[in-house]
Amino acid sequence: MSMIPLIVLGAFAIALCVAGIIEFQYHMRSLAAIPLRIHINGTRGKSSVTRLVAAGLREAGIRTFAKTTGTAPRVIDSDGKDRIIHRLRLPSIGEQVRLLNYFAGEKPDAVVMECMAVQPQYQWIAEHQMVQSQIGVITNVRPDHLEEMGPTEDDVAYSLCNTIPVGGTLITGEDQKPLILEEIAKENGSEFIQSNEAEVTQEELDKFTYMEHPANVAVALDVCKKVGVDRELALEGMHKVQPDLGALIAWNLDKDAKRIQFVNGMAANDPVSTLQIWKFVIDRYPAEGGTCVFFNSRDDRPVRTRQMIELTLEGIKPDHFIVRGDKVSATLQRLHYHSPGTQIIIFGLNDKLENVVNHIMDLPHDTLVYAIGNQVGSGQDILTQISKYRHHG
């Protein structure tokens, strides 16, 4: 038997090993060229916190680059300008390595990276082999991505802990599972800091151009404080931030002398965050014309669809419930008894988006509409159509 195939295979294997070693050494040099690396993880608020932290550091004269992976992935340069990430293939965590290498070439003082990994093992790789941060953030722990990180909320917490740095600092806004996070932080030899959203005043929140959650601001302020940035200076930068597409934005919509209050909460697509935002919103808006929840579902997320319908009919109990989705009738009928006064209308995923928007705009004057569910794709298209009715006065 000829030995040539074995020799070729052996040479190929050696070449791959050599290439891997060279790539690893190159990546380590890139990390050494980035003095401060901050890694943002959590269930909700990652993109917002990434932007807030970067803005606070920039205001203090710290040359900072950032990368978000939210509704629309972006690179944020040292001047705070967004650059769209155009992907020619499906997203993968290897994208983080390429961007870190790019950032290193820009001679930054700091880089803020939003974690894009979902599976626990990839979260570990993202932190301990790719970013190797000095400051890690876990914004919160919520029952989302249970297929990958669950089935329980404790499992989600432990999964997110895979990005806690070794010998660094963990900052979190989590208030339900903080003991789990603190336990793993101590095991990793990292300082544990729990943020307190009550320390963020209404006056500070009112200076944002969009509706920012106080928990996000509290976490970002603690990160800036850890770096040595004065609170007022950090806030000055944060108030200038350009919000992520998934940020909580409230619009007044006008049609035929009728006013609709529209709040986009579609980026918060887990039940706990969605209900928290609803409570935050309903405290701010009178909703004298009644309330409406618009739910944009995904046919490949049946568990989340059921959770959102349960949340709406059992927790929010709006006057109107507009659902865009297929195979939802049975669930709606089964749960309608929780809120018998809710008027339900269903649009199929193949129905024209224009019909959905028209129905929203035909609601009674001064109705508060809370949009939840999926924003990517059709959700963004619906927002674009609704924005045509936005009041600019």
Protein backbone atom coordinates (compact mmCIF):
# COMPACT_ATOMS: atom_id res chain seq x y z
CA MET A 1 0.00 0.00 0.00
CA SER A 2 1.35 3.42 -0.98
CA MET A 3 2.33 5.72 1.88
CA ILE A 4 1.80 8.86 -0.20
CA PRO A 5 -1.84 9.50 0.92
CA LEU A 6 -0.82 9.20 4.59
CA ILE A 7 2.13 11.53 4.05
CA VAL A 8 -0.12 14.08 2.34
CA LEU A 9 -2.68 13.87 5.14
CA GLY A 10 0.03 14.22 7.76
CA ALA A 11 1.51 17.25 6.01
CA PHE A 12 -1.95 18.81 5.75
CA ALA A 13 -2.58 18.25 9.47
CA ILE A 14 0.76 19.80 10.38
CA ALA A 15 0.03 22.79 8.14
CA LEU A 16 -3.34 23.31 9.88
CA CYS A 17 -1.69 23.17 13.30
CA VAL A 18 0.97 25.67 12.26
CA ALA A 19 -1.68 28.00 10.80
CA GLY A 20 -3.69 27.75 14.02
CA ILE A 21 -0.66 28.61 16.15
CA ILE A 22 0.17 31.60 13.94
CA GLU A 23 -3.43 32.84 14.06
CA PHE A 24 -3.54 32.45 17.86
CA GLN A 25 -0.29 34.40 18.28
CA TYR A 26 -1.58 37.13 15.98
CA HIS A 27 -4.79 37.37 18.01
CA MET A 28 -2.86 37.59 21.28
CA ARG A 29 -0.83 40.48 19.86
CA SER A 30 -4.11 42.17 18.92
CA LEU A 31 -5.43 41.80 22.47
CA ALA A 32 -2.20 43.21 23.87
CA ALA A 33 -2.76 46.30 21.69
CA ILE A 34 -6.14 46.94 23.35
CA PRO A 35 -5.43 48.15 26.92
CA LEU A 36 -9.03 47.85 28.17
CA ARG A 37 -11.52 45.24 26.95
CA ILE A 38 -15.13 45.24 28.19
CA HIS A 39 -17.44 42.31 27.36
CA ILE A 40 -21.22 42.86 27.58
CA ASN A 41 -23.51 39.84 28.02
CA GLY A 42 -26.99 39.23 29.44
CA THR A 43 -30.52 38.51 28.27
CA ARG A 44 -31.74 42.06 27.64
CA GLY A 45 -30.16 45.48 27.20
CA LYS A 46 -26.79 44.32 25.86
CA SER A 47 -26.76 46.62 22.83
CA SER A 48 -27.99 49.62 24.80
CA VAL A 49 -25.43 49.11 27.57
CA THR A 50 -22.66 48.67 24.99
CA ARG A 51 -23.55 52.02 23.43
CA LEU A 52 -23.92 53.76 26.80
CA VAL A 53 -20.57 52.52 28.11
CA ALA A 54 -18.75 53.48 24.93
CA ALA A 55 -20.35 56.95 24.97
CA GLY A 56 -19.42 57.52 28.61
CA LEU A 57 -15.80 56.54 28.00
CA ARG A 58 -15.53 58.67 24.85
CA GLU A 59 -16.78 61.72 26.74
CA ALA A 60 -13.84 61.29 29.13
CA GLY A 61 -11.39 61.39 26.22
CA ILE A 62 -10.85 57.63 26.16
CA ARG A 63 -10.41 56.47 22.56
CA THR A 64 -13.12 53.82 22.46
CA PHE A 65 -14.48 51.49 19.79
CA ALA A 66 -17.55 49.30 20.23
CA LYS A 67 -19.46 46.55 18.48
CA THR A 68 -23.15 45.72 18.93
CA THR A 69 -24.93 42.59 17.75
CA GLY A 70 -28.53 43.60 18.45
CA THR A 71 -31.36 44.23 16.03
CA ALA A 72 -28.86 45.43 13.42
CA PRO A 73 -25.14 44.76 14.12
CA ARG A 74 -22.94 47.84 14.15
CA VAL A 75 -19.36 48.95 14.68
CA ILE A 76 -19.20 52.25 16.58
CA ASP A 77 -16.00 54.17 15.95
CA SER A 78 -14.06 56.46 18.28
CA ASP A 79 -16.19 59.44 17.16
CA GLY A 80 -19.43 57.64 18.02
CA LYS A 81 -20.39 57.04 14.38
CA ASP A 82 -22.17 53.84 13.40
CA ARG A 83 -20.95 51.56 10.64
CA ILE A 84 -23.21 48.76 9.45
CA ILE A 85 -21.76 45.25 9.51
CA HIS A 86 -22.58 43.64 6.17
CA ARG A 87 -22.53 39.87 6.53
CA LEU A 88 -22.02 37.65 3.50
CA ARG A 89 -22.76 34.54 5.53
CA LEU A 90 -24.56 33.48 8.69
CA PRO A 91 -23.26 35.20 11.85
CA SER A 92 -20.65 33.33 13.89
CA ILE A 93 -18.50 34.21 16.89
CA GLY A 94 -15.44 34.21 14.61
CA GLU A 95 -16.65 37.68 13.65
CA GLN A 96 -15.49 38.87 17.08
CA VAL A 97 -11.88 37.84 16.38
CA ARG A 98 -11.79 39.67 13.07
CA LEU A 99 -13.19 42.85 14.64
CA LEU A 100 -10.82 42.73 17.59
CA ASN A 101 -7.93 42.50 15.13
CA TYR A 102 -9.35 45.49 13.27
CA PHE A 103 -9.81 47.50 16.47
CA ALA A 104 -6.25 46.74 17.55
CA GLY A 105 -4.98 48.38 14.36
CA GLU A 106 -6.85 51.58 15.29
CA LYS A 107 -4.76 52.02 18.47
CA PRO A 108 -7.70 52.23 20.91
CA ASP A 109 -7.65 52.89 24.62
CA ALA A 110 -10.71 50.69 25.10
CA VAL A 111 -13.00 48.32 23.20
CA VAL A 112 -16.55 47.44 24.27
CA MET A 113 -17.84 44.18 22.75
CA GLU A 114 -21.38 42.85 22.93
CA CYS A 115 -21.38 39.06 23.28
CA MET A 116 -23.00 37.42 20.26
CA ALA A 117 -22.81 33.80 21.46
CA VAL A 118 -25.92 31.98 22.70
CA GLN A 119 -24.83 28.39 23.37
CA PRO A 120 -22.98 28.07 26.70
CA GLN A 121 -19.82 26.58 25.20
CA TYR A 122 -19.56 29.39 22.67
CA GLN A 123 -20.06 32.00 25.38
CA TRP A 124 -17.07 30.51 27.21
CA ILE A 125 -14.97 30.60 24.04
CA ALA A 126 -16.05 34.19 23.31
CA GLU A 127 -14.72 35.39 26.65
CA HIS A 128 -11.83 33.15 27.60
CA GLN A 129 -10.29 32.65 24.17
CA MET A 130 -11.41 35.69 22.20
CA VAL A 131 -12.08 38.83 24.28
CA GLN A 132 -10.34 38.03 27.59
CA SER A 133 -11.91 41.09 29.17
CA GLN A 134 -10.88 42.97 32.29
CA ILE A 135 -14.50 44.06 32.90
CA GLY A 136 -17.42 41.75 32.22
CA VAL A 137 -21.08 42.75 32.29
CA ILE A 138 -24.16 40.58 32.68
CA THR A 139 -27.05 43.00 32.26
CA ASN A 140 -29.71 40.62 33.61
CA VAL A 141 -30.95 37.01 33.57
CA ARG A 142 -34.30 36.34 31.92
CA PRO A 143 -36.07 33.18 30.66
CA ASP A 144 -35.10 33.52 27.01
CA HIS A 145 -33.27 31.21 24.58
CA LEU A 146 -34.36 28.35 26.82
CA GLU A 147 -33.79 25.89 23.98
CA GLU A 148 -30.06 26.68 24.05
CA MET A 149 -29.44 27.79 27.66
CA GLY A 150 -32.36 26.33 29.63
CA PRO A 151 -34.57 24.73 30.58
CA THR A 152 -34.60 26.72 33.85
CA GLU A 153 -33.75 30.32 34.66
CA ASP A 154 -30.91 29.06 36.88
CA ASP A 155 -29.49 27.29 33.82
CA VAL A 156 -29.64 30.58 31.91
CA ALA A 157 -27.75 32.31 34.73
CA TYR A 158 -25.00 29.69 34.77
CA SER A 159 -24.76 29.87 30.97
CA LEU A 160 -24.29 33.64 31.03
CA CYS A 161 -21.63 33.19 33.72
CA ASN A 162 -19.40 31.69 31.04
CA THR A 163 -18.40 35.24 30.11
CA ILE A 164 -17.33 36.31 33.61
CA PRO A 165 -13.65 37.32 33.34
CA VAL A 166 -10.83 35.69 35.30
CA GLY A 167 -9.17 38.04 37.76
CA GLY A 168 -11.25 41.00 36.61
CA THR A 169 -14.56 42.63 37.52
CA LEU A 170 -18.16 41.55 36.94
CA ILE A 171 -20.82 44.29 36.91
CA THR A 172 -24.48 43.28 36.76
CA GLY A 173 -27.95 44.74 37.02
CA GLU A 174 -29.45 41.32 37.80
CA ASP A 175 -31.72 41.31 40.86
CA GLN A 176 -33.26 37.81 40.73
CA LYS A 177 -30.23 35.52 40.44
CA PRO A 178 -27.35 37.65 41.76
CA LEU A 179 -26.05 34.93 44.11
CA ILE A 180 -25.30 32.62 41.19
CA LEU A 181 -23.38 35.36 39.41
CA GLU A 182 -21.51 36.31 42.57
CA GLU A 183 -20.59 32.68 43.21
CA ILE A 184 -19.00 32.22 39.78
CA ALA A 185 -17.31 35.64 39.94
CA LYS A 186 -15.60 34.61 43.18
CA GLU A 187 -14.57 31.28 41.67
CA ASN A 188 -12.96 33.23 38.82
CA GLY A 189 -11.21 35.59 41.22
CA SER A 190 -13.22 38.56 39.95
CA GLU A 191 -14.71 41.47 41.85
CA PHE A 192 -18.54 41.45 41.97
CA ILE A 193 -20.50 44.71 41.62
CA GLN A 194 -24.31 44.82 41.61
CA SER A 195 -25.80 47.98 40.13
CA ASN A 196 -28.82 49.73 41.60
CA GLU A 197 -31.23 51.32 39.11
CA ALA A 198 -32.83 53.36 41.92
CA GLU A 199 -29.70 55.53 41.89
CA VAL A 200 -30.62 56.82 38.42
CA THR A 201 -32.92 59.82 38.75
CA GLN A 202 -35.92 60.68 36.59
CA GLU A 203 -34.22 63.94 35.68
CA GLU A 204 -31.25 61.98 34.30
CA LEU A 205 -33.57 59.70 32.32
CA ASP A 206 -35.54 62.61 30.87
CA LYS A 207 -32.40 63.93 29.14
CA PHE A 208 -32.25 60.92 26.80
CA THR A 209 -33.73 61.40 23.33
CA TYR A 210 -35.41 57.99 23.61
CA MET A 211 -36.82 55.87 26.45
CA GLU A 212 -33.83 54.31 28.19
CA HIS A 213 -34.29 51.85 31.03
CA PRO A 214 -32.75 52.97 34.33
CA ALA A 215 -31.17 49.53 34.87
CA ASN A 216 -29.15 49.92 31.67
CA VAL A 217 -27.97 53.37 32.71
CA ALA A 218 -27.04 52.16 36.21
CA VAL A 219 -24.90 49.33 34.84
CA ALA A 220 -23.17 51.59 32.30
CA LEU A 221 -22.44 54.18 34.99
CA ASP A 222 -20.86 51.54 37.21
CA VAL A 223 -18.64 50.40 34.34
CA CYS A 224 -17.52 53.98 33.71
CA LYS A 225 -16.95 54.48 37.44
CA LYS A 226 -14.75 51.37 37.53
CA VAL A 227 -12.68 52.82 34.69
CA GLY A 228 -12.38 56.11 36.58
CA VAL A 229 -14.83 58.30 34.69
CA ASP A 230 -16.81 60.90 36.67
CA ARG A 231 -20.55 60.21 36.81
CA GLU A 232 -21.65 63.59 35.43
CA LEU A 233 -19.14 63.40 32.60
CA ALA A 234 -20.23 59.85 31.72
CA LEU A 235 -23.90 60.90 31.71
CA GLU A 236 -23.11 63.85 29.46
CA GLY A 237 -21.75 61.40 26.91
CA MET A 238 -24.60 58.94 27.35
CA HIS A 239 -27.21 61.61 26.71
CA LYS A 240 -25.66 62.13 23.27
CA VAL A 241 -25.82 58.46 22.32
CA GLN A 242 -27.50 57.30 19.14
CA PRO A 243 -29.94 54.58 20.26
CA ASP A 244 -29.85 51.04 18.97
CA LEU A 245 -32.66 50.12 16.56
CA GLY A 246 -34.11 47.95 19.30
CA ALA A 247 -34.17 50.73 21.87
CA LEU A 248 -37.43 51.61 23.57
CA ILE A 249 -38.78 54.47 21.46
CA ALA A 250 -42.12 56.23 21.92
CA TRP A 251 -43.87 57.99 19.06
CA ASN A 252 -47.00 60.11 18.82
CA LEU A 253 -48.81 59.08 15.63
CA ASP A 254 -51.33 61.31 13.84
CA LYS A 255 -54.09 60.33 11.43
CA ASP A 256 -57.15 62.43 10.61
CA ALA A 257 -56.87 64.56 13.77
CA LYS A 258 -56.55 61.39 15.85
CA ARG A 259 -53.55 60.70 18.08
CA ILE A 260 -52.11 57.22 18.78
CA GLN A 261 -49.31 56.69 21.32
CA PHE A 262 -46.97 54.01 20.00
CA VAL A 263 -44.18 52.38 22.03
CA ASN A 264 -41.81 49.92 20.40
CA GLY A 265 -40.74 47.19 22.82
CA MET A 266 -40.13 44.49 20.21
CA ALA A 267 -36.46 44.04 21.08
CA ALA A 268 -37.42 42.77 24.55
CA ASN A 269 -38.80 39.44 23.41
CA ASP A 270 -38.84 37.53 26.69
CA PRO A 271 -41.87 37.68 29.02
CA VAL A 272 -40.17 39.13 32.13
CA SER A 273 -38.53 42.05 30.30
CA THR A 274 -41.66 42.66 28.25
CA LEU A 275 -43.81 42.96 31.38
CA GLN A 276 -41.23 45.19 33.11
CA ILE A 277 -41.19 47.55 30.14
CA TRP A 278 -45.00 47.59 30.05
CA LYS A 279 -45.11 48.69 33.70
CA PHE A 280 -42.46 51.30 32.91
CA VAL A 281 -44.51 52.58 29.95
CA ILE A 282 -47.97 52.57 31.52
CA ASP A 283 -46.65 54.74 34.37
CA ARG A 284 -45.61 57.37 31.84
CA TYR A 285 -48.58 57.43 29.46
CA PRO A 286 -52.22 57.97 30.47
CA ALA A 287 -53.73 55.75 27.72
CA GLU A 288 -57.05 57.57 27.98
CA GLY A 289 -58.28 55.94 24.76
CA GLY A 290 -57.48 52.43 25.96
CA THR A 291 -54.56 50.05 25.54
CA CYS A 292 -53.45 47.79 22.72
CA VAL A 293 -50.71 45.17 22.43
CA PHE A 294 -49.39 44.40 18.97
CA PHE A 295 -47.52 41.08 18.90
CA ASN A 296 -45.35 40.26 15.88
CA SER A 297 -44.61 36.54 16.22
CA ARG A 298 -42.22 34.12 14.54
CA ASP A 299 -43.40 30.73 13.30
CA ASP A 300 -40.10 29.11 14.33
CA ARG A 301 -40.47 30.17 17.99
CA PRO A 302 -43.66 28.42 19.21
CA VAL A 303 -42.60 28.46 22.88
CA ARG A 304 -41.95 32.19 22.86
CA THR A 305 -45.21 32.80 20.99
CA ARG A 306 -47.17 30.95 23.68
CA GLN A 307 -45.29 32.83 26.43
CA MET A 308 -46.09 36.22 24.90
CA ILE A 309 -49.76 35.40 24.43
CA GLU A 310 -49.97 34.19 28.05
CA LEU A 311 -48.21 37.34 29.25
CA THR A 312 -50.55 39.62 27.32
CA LEU A 313 -53.83 38.01 28.32
CA GLU A 314 -52.87 37.07 31.90
CA GLY A 315 -50.60 40.00 32.84
CA ILE A 316 -51.29 43.05 30.66
CA LYS A 317 -54.97 42.47 29.76
CA PRO A 318 -55.20 45.18 27.08
CA ASP A 319 -58.39 46.47 25.49
CA HIS A 320 -57.11 45.37 22.07
CA PHE A 321 -54.72 42.56 21.12
CA ILE A 322 -53.43 42.50 17.54
CA VAL A 323 -51.50 39.33 16.72
CA ARG A 324 -49.51 38.76 13.56
CA GLY A 325 -48.80 35.06 13.29
CA ASP A 326 -49.87 31.64 12.04
CA LYS A 327 -51.18 28.75 14.15
CA VAL A 328 -52.03 31.04 17.07
CA SER A 329 -55.84 30.75 17.11
CA ALA A 330 -56.01 27.75 19.43
CA THR A 331 -53.71 29.34 22.02
CA LEU A 332 -55.63 32.61 21.90
CA GLN A 333 -58.98 30.85 22.33
CA ARG A 334 -57.65 28.76 25.23
CA LEU A 335 -56.30 31.80 27.12
CA HIS A 336 -58.89 34.43 26.23
CA TYR A 337 -60.86 33.73 29.41
CA HIS A 338 -58.09 35.47 31.42
CA SER A 339 -59.07 38.74 29.76
CA PRO A 340 -62.56 38.38 28.26
CA GLY A 341 -62.82 42.12 27.61
CA THR A 342 -59.86 42.07 25.22
CA GLN A 343 -60.76 42.40 21.55
CA ILE A 344 -58.48 40.07 19.56
CA ILE A 345 -57.67 40.29 15.86
CA ILE A 346 -55.28 38.00 13.99
CA PHE A 347 -53.26 38.74 10.86
CA GLY A 348 -51.44 35.91 9.11
CA LEU A 349 -47.72 36.14 8.40
CA ASN A 350 -48.55 36.37 4.68
CA ASP A 351 -51.08 39.18 5.10
CA LYS A 352 -50.04 42.60 3.82
CA LEU A 353 -48.18 44.64 6.41
CA GLU A 354 -50.16 47.65 5.24
CA ASN A 355 -53.33 46.01 6.61
CA VAL A 356 -51.70 45.60 10.03
CA VAL A 357 -50.60 49.24 10.11
CA ASN A 358 -54.01 50.46 8.98
CA HIS A 359 -55.71 48.53 11.77
CA ILE A 360 -53.37 50.05 14.35
CA MET A 361 -54.05 53.54 13.01
CA ASP A 362 -57.82 52.91 13.12
CA LEU A 363 -57.77 52.36 16.89
CA PRO A 364 -59.57 54.95 19.08
CA HIS A 365 -58.04 58.35 19.74
CA ASP A 366 -55.37 58.36 22.49
CA THR A 367 -54.91 54.58 22.45
CA LEU A 368 -51.56 53.42 23.82
CA VAL A 369 -50.08 50.75 21.50
CA TYR A 370 -47.30 48.57 22.89
CA ALA A 371 -45.46 46.58 20.20
CA ILE A 372 -43.80 43.34 21.30
CA GLY A 373 -42.23 40.29 19.68
CA ASN A 374 -39.88 40.02 16.73
CA GLN A 375 -38.36 43.17 15.26
CA VAL A 376 -35.94 41.76 12.67
CA GLY A 377 -37.26 41.71 9.11
CA SER A 378 -41.03 42.21 9.03
CA GLY A 379 -41.02 43.95 12.41
CA GLN A 380 -38.65 46.61 11.13
CA ASP A 381 -40.76 46.96 7.97
CA ILE A 382 -43.87 47.56 10.09
CA LEU A 383 -42.02 50.21 12.12
CA THR A 384 -40.94 51.91 8.91
CA GLN A 385 -44.56 52.08 7.70
CA ILE A 386 -45.86 53.28 11.08
CA SER A 387 -43.19 55.99 11.27
CA LYS A 388 -44.86 57.72 8.31
CA TYR A 389 -47.62 58.77 10.71
CA ARG A 390 -45.18 60.09 13.30
CA HIS A 391 -46.01 63.53 14.70
CA HIS A 392 -43.03 65.88 14.37
CA GLY A 393 -44.54 68.95 15.95
